[in-house]
Amino acid sequence: MYTQLNYINVSTLLFLISLIGIFLNQRNILVMLMSLEMMFLAVSFNLIFSSILLDDIIGQIFSLLILTVAAAESSIGLAILVVYYRIRSVITVELMILMSG
């Protein structure tokens, strides 16, 4: 029981650190993306742990799908940032409003 509680605590700690990283650092878009990826990792870790605990494979499959979507989201987001940096020569969240259109 003690090790089960440790896994839940680690997953919750990862999620809270990433949540704090998103809300406290709203100027740097790269740190926001890293915090979002860490949030996906925390949820995925929790799904894997509960899947092992309940002896069910569905949580592990769903976790694999979450990580696949997170990797695709990260690569597309970084590609957009590279193109944006080439045009504007600066990456700030405040100027991202100009991209909407």
C-alpha atoms as a PDB file:
ATOM      1  CA  MET A   1       0.000   0.000   0.000  1.00  0.00           C
ATOM      2  CA  TYR A   2       2.884   2.342   0.765  1.00  0.00           C
ATOM      3  CA  THR A   3       4.365   2.032  -2.734  1.00  0.00           C
ATOM      4  CA  GLN A   4       0.961   2.623  -4.343  1.00  0.00           C
ATOM      5  CA  LEU A   5       0.642   5.872  -2.451  1.00  0.00           C
ATOM      6  CA  ASN A   6       4.142   6.883  -3.562  1.00  0.00           C
ATOM      7  CA  TYR A   7       3.248   6.436  -7.233  1.00  0.00           C
ATOM      8  CA  ILE A   8       0.130   8.549  -6.849  1.00  0.00           C
ATOM      9  CA  ASN A   9       2.117  11.216  -4.986  1.00  0.00           C
ATOM     10  CA  VAL A  10       4.784  11.373  -7.711  1.00  0.00           C
ATOM     11  CA  SER A  11       2.140  11.679 -10.408  1.00  0.00           C
ATOM     12  CA  THR A  12       0.302  14.402  -8.485  1.00  0.00           C
ATOM     13  CA  LEU A  13       3.555  16.261  -7.804  1.00  0.00           C
ATOM     14  CA  LEU A  14       4.480  16.201 -11.512  1.00  0.00           C
ATOM     15  CA  PHE A  15       1.038  17.487 -12.433  1.00  0.00           C
ATOM     16  CA  LEU A  16       1.146  20.311  -9.866  1.00  0.00           C
ATOM     17  CA  ILE A  17       4.660  21.389 -10.899  1.00  0.00           C
ATOM     18  CA  SER A  18       3.563  21.571 -14.513  1.00  0.00           C
ATOM     19  CA  LEU A  19       0.409  23.479 -13.568  1.00  0.00           C
ATOM     20  CA  ILE A  20       2.491  25.993 -11.619  1.00  0.00           C
ATOM     21  CA  GLY A  21       4.872  26.243 -14.578  1.00  0.00           C
ATOM     22  CA  ILE A  22       2.034  27.122 -16.926  1.00  0.00           C
ATOM     23  CA  PHE A  23       0.395  29.724 -14.688  1.00  0.00           C
ATOM     24  CA  LEU A  24       3.482  31.411 -13.250  1.00  0.00           C
ATOM     25  CA  ASN A  25       5.479  31.627 -16.467  1.00  0.00           C
ATOM     26  CA  GLN A  26       3.200  33.150 -19.067  1.00  0.00           C
ATOM     27  CA  ARG A  27       5.915  34.985 -20.988  1.00  0.00           C
ATOM     28  CA  ASN A  28       8.116  32.165 -22.268  1.00  0.00           C
ATOM     29  CA  ILE A  29       6.277  29.908 -24.691  1.00  0.00           C
ATOM     30  CA  LEU A  30       8.930  27.174 -24.597  1.00  0.00           C
ATOM     31  CA  VAL A  31       8.569  26.739 -20.836  1.00  0.00           C
ATOM     32  CA  MET A  32       4.806  26.635 -21.280  1.00  0.00           C
ATOM     33  CA  LEU A  33       5.159  23.847 -23.866  1.00  0.00           C
ATOM     34  CA  MET A  34       7.501  21.901 -21.591  1.00  0.00           C
ATOM     35  CA  SER A  35       5.049  22.274 -18.712  1.00  0.00           C
ATOM     36  CA  LEU A  36       2.234  21.023 -20.927  1.00  0.00           C
ATOM     37  CA  GLU A  37       4.300  17.980 -21.917  1.00  0.00           C
ATOM     38  CA  MET A  38       5.067  17.296 -18.262  1.00  0.00           C
ATOM     39  CA  MET A  39       1.353  17.489 -17.514  1.00  0.00           C
ATOM     40  CA  PHE A  40       0.675  14.875 -20.201  1.00  0.00           C
ATOM     41  CA  LEU A  41       3.426  12.727 -18.698  1.00  0.00           C
ATOM     42  CA  ALA A  42       1.883  12.955 -15.219  1.00  0.00           C
ATOM     43  CA  VAL A  43      -1.542  11.909 -16.492  1.00  0.00           C
ATOM     44  CA  SER A  44       0.017   9.105 -18.510  1.00  0.00           C
ATOM     45  CA  PHE A  45       1.981   7.906 -15.490  1.00  0.00           C
ATOM     46  CA  ASN A  46      -1.193   7.856 -13.421  1.00  0.00           C
ATOM     47  CA  LEU A  47      -3.004   5.861 -16.113  1.00  0.00           C
ATOM     48  CA  ILE A  48      -0.187   3.321 -16.310  1.00  0.00           C
ATOM     49  CA  PHE A  49      -0.096   2.931 -12.546  1.00  0.00           C
ATOM     50  CA  SER A  50      -3.841   2.463 -12.249  1.00  0.00           C
ATOM     51  CA  SER A  51      -3.754   0.019 -15.165  1.00  0.00           C
ATOM     52  CA  ILE A  52      -1.144  -2.091 -13.409  1.00  0.00           C
ATOM     53  CA  LEU A  53      -2.998  -1.836 -10.113  1.00  0.00           C
ATOM     54  CA  LEU A  54      -6.320  -2.918 -11.660  1.00  0.00           C
ATOM     55  CA  ASP A  55      -4.683  -5.538 -13.916  1.00  0.00           C
ATOM     56  CA  ASP A  56      -6.179  -4.022 -17.076  1.00  0.00           C
ATOM     57  CA  ILE A  57      -4.376  -3.190 -20.324  1.00  0.00           C
ATOM     58  CA  ILE A  58      -6.733  -0.391 -21.438  1.00  0.00           C
ATOM     59  CA  GLY A  59      -4.987   2.247 -19.302  1.00  0.00           C
ATOM     60  CA  GLN A  60      -1.619   1.399 -20.835  1.00  0.00           C
ATOM     61  CA  ILE A  61      -3.007   1.598 -24.369  1.00  0.00           C
ATOM     62  CA  PHE A  62      -4.681   4.915 -23.613  1.00  0.00           C
ATOM     63  CA  SER A  63      -1.427   6.190 -22.111  1.00  0.00           C
ATOM     64  CA  LEU A  64       0.426   5.251 -25.296  1.00  0.00           C
ATOM     65  CA  LEU A  65      -2.134   7.186 -27.339  1.00  0.00           C
ATOM     66  CA  ILE A  66      -1.776  10.225 -25.055  1.00  0.00           C
ATOM     67  CA  LEU A  67       2.010  10.211 -25.452  1.00  0.00           C
ATOM     68  CA  THR A  68       1.704   9.879 -29.235  1.00  0.00           C
ATOM     69  CA  VAL A  69      -0.644  12.858 -29.465  1.00  0.00           C
ATOM     70  CA  ALA A  70       1.597  14.844 -27.095  1.00  0.00           C
ATOM     71  CA  ALA A  71       4.647  14.183 -29.285  1.00  0.00           C
ATOM     72  CA  ALA A  72       2.780  15.269 -32.407  1.00  0.00           C
ATOM     73  CA  GLU A  73       1.509  18.400 -30.645  1.00  0.00           C
ATOM     74  CA  SER A  74       4.999  19.260 -29.482  1.00  0.00           C
ATOM     75  CA  SER A  75       6.583  18.862 -32.911  1.00  0.00           C
ATOM     76  CA  ILE A  76       3.906  20.970 -34.607  1.00  0.00           C
ATOM     77  CA  GLY A  77       4.135  23.629 -31.889  1.00  0.00           C
ATOM     78  CA  LEU A  78       7.917  23.845 -32.209  1.00  0.00           C
ATOM     79  CA  ALA A  79       7.678  24.085 -36.000  1.00  0.00           C
ATOM     80  CA  ILE A  80       5.225  26.977 -35.670  1.00  0.00           C
ATOM     81  CA  LEU A  81       7.569  28.671 -33.199  1.00  0.00           C
ATOM     82  CA  VAL A  82      10.545  28.334 -35.570  1.00  0.00           C
ATOM     83  CA  VAL A  83       8.568  29.912 -38.415  1.00  0.00           C
ATOM     84  CA  TYR A  84       7.301  32.660 -36.098  1.00  0.00           C
ATOM     85  CA  TYR A  85      10.836  33.367 -34.872  1.00  0.00           C
ATOM     86  CA  ARG A  86      12.134  33.655 -38.442  1.00  0.00           C
ATOM     87  CA  ILE A  87       9.460  36.247 -39.241  1.00  0.00           C
ATOM     88  CA  ARG A  88       9.460  38.327 -36.022  1.00  0.00           C
ATOM     89  CA  SER A  89      12.971  37.585 -34.585  1.00  0.00           C
ATOM     90  CA  VAL A  90      11.460  37.360 -31.103  1.00  0.00           C
ATOM     91  CA  ILE A  91       9.203  34.872 -29.339  1.00  0.00           C
ATOM     92  CA  THR A  92       6.840  36.381 -26.779  1.00  0.00           C
ATOM     93  CA  VAL A  93       3.401  35.258 -25.778  1.00  0.00           C
ATOM     94  CA  GLU A  94       2.063  38.804 -25.822  1.00  0.00           C
ATOM     95  CA  LEU A  95       2.739  39.148 -29.564  1.00  0.00           C
ATOM     96  CA  MET A  96       1.118  35.801 -30.417  1.00  0.00           C
ATOM     97  CA  ILE A  97      -2.247  37.588 -30.565  1.00  0.00           C
ATOM     98  CA  LEU A  98      -1.127  39.083 -33.862  1.00  0.00           C
ATOM     99  CA  MET A  99      -1.098  35.597 -35.439  1.00  0.00           C
ATOM    100  CA  SER A 100      -4.833  35.156 -35.094  1.00  0.00           C
ATOM    101  CA  GLY A 101      -6.605  35.963 -38.236  1.00  0.00           C
END
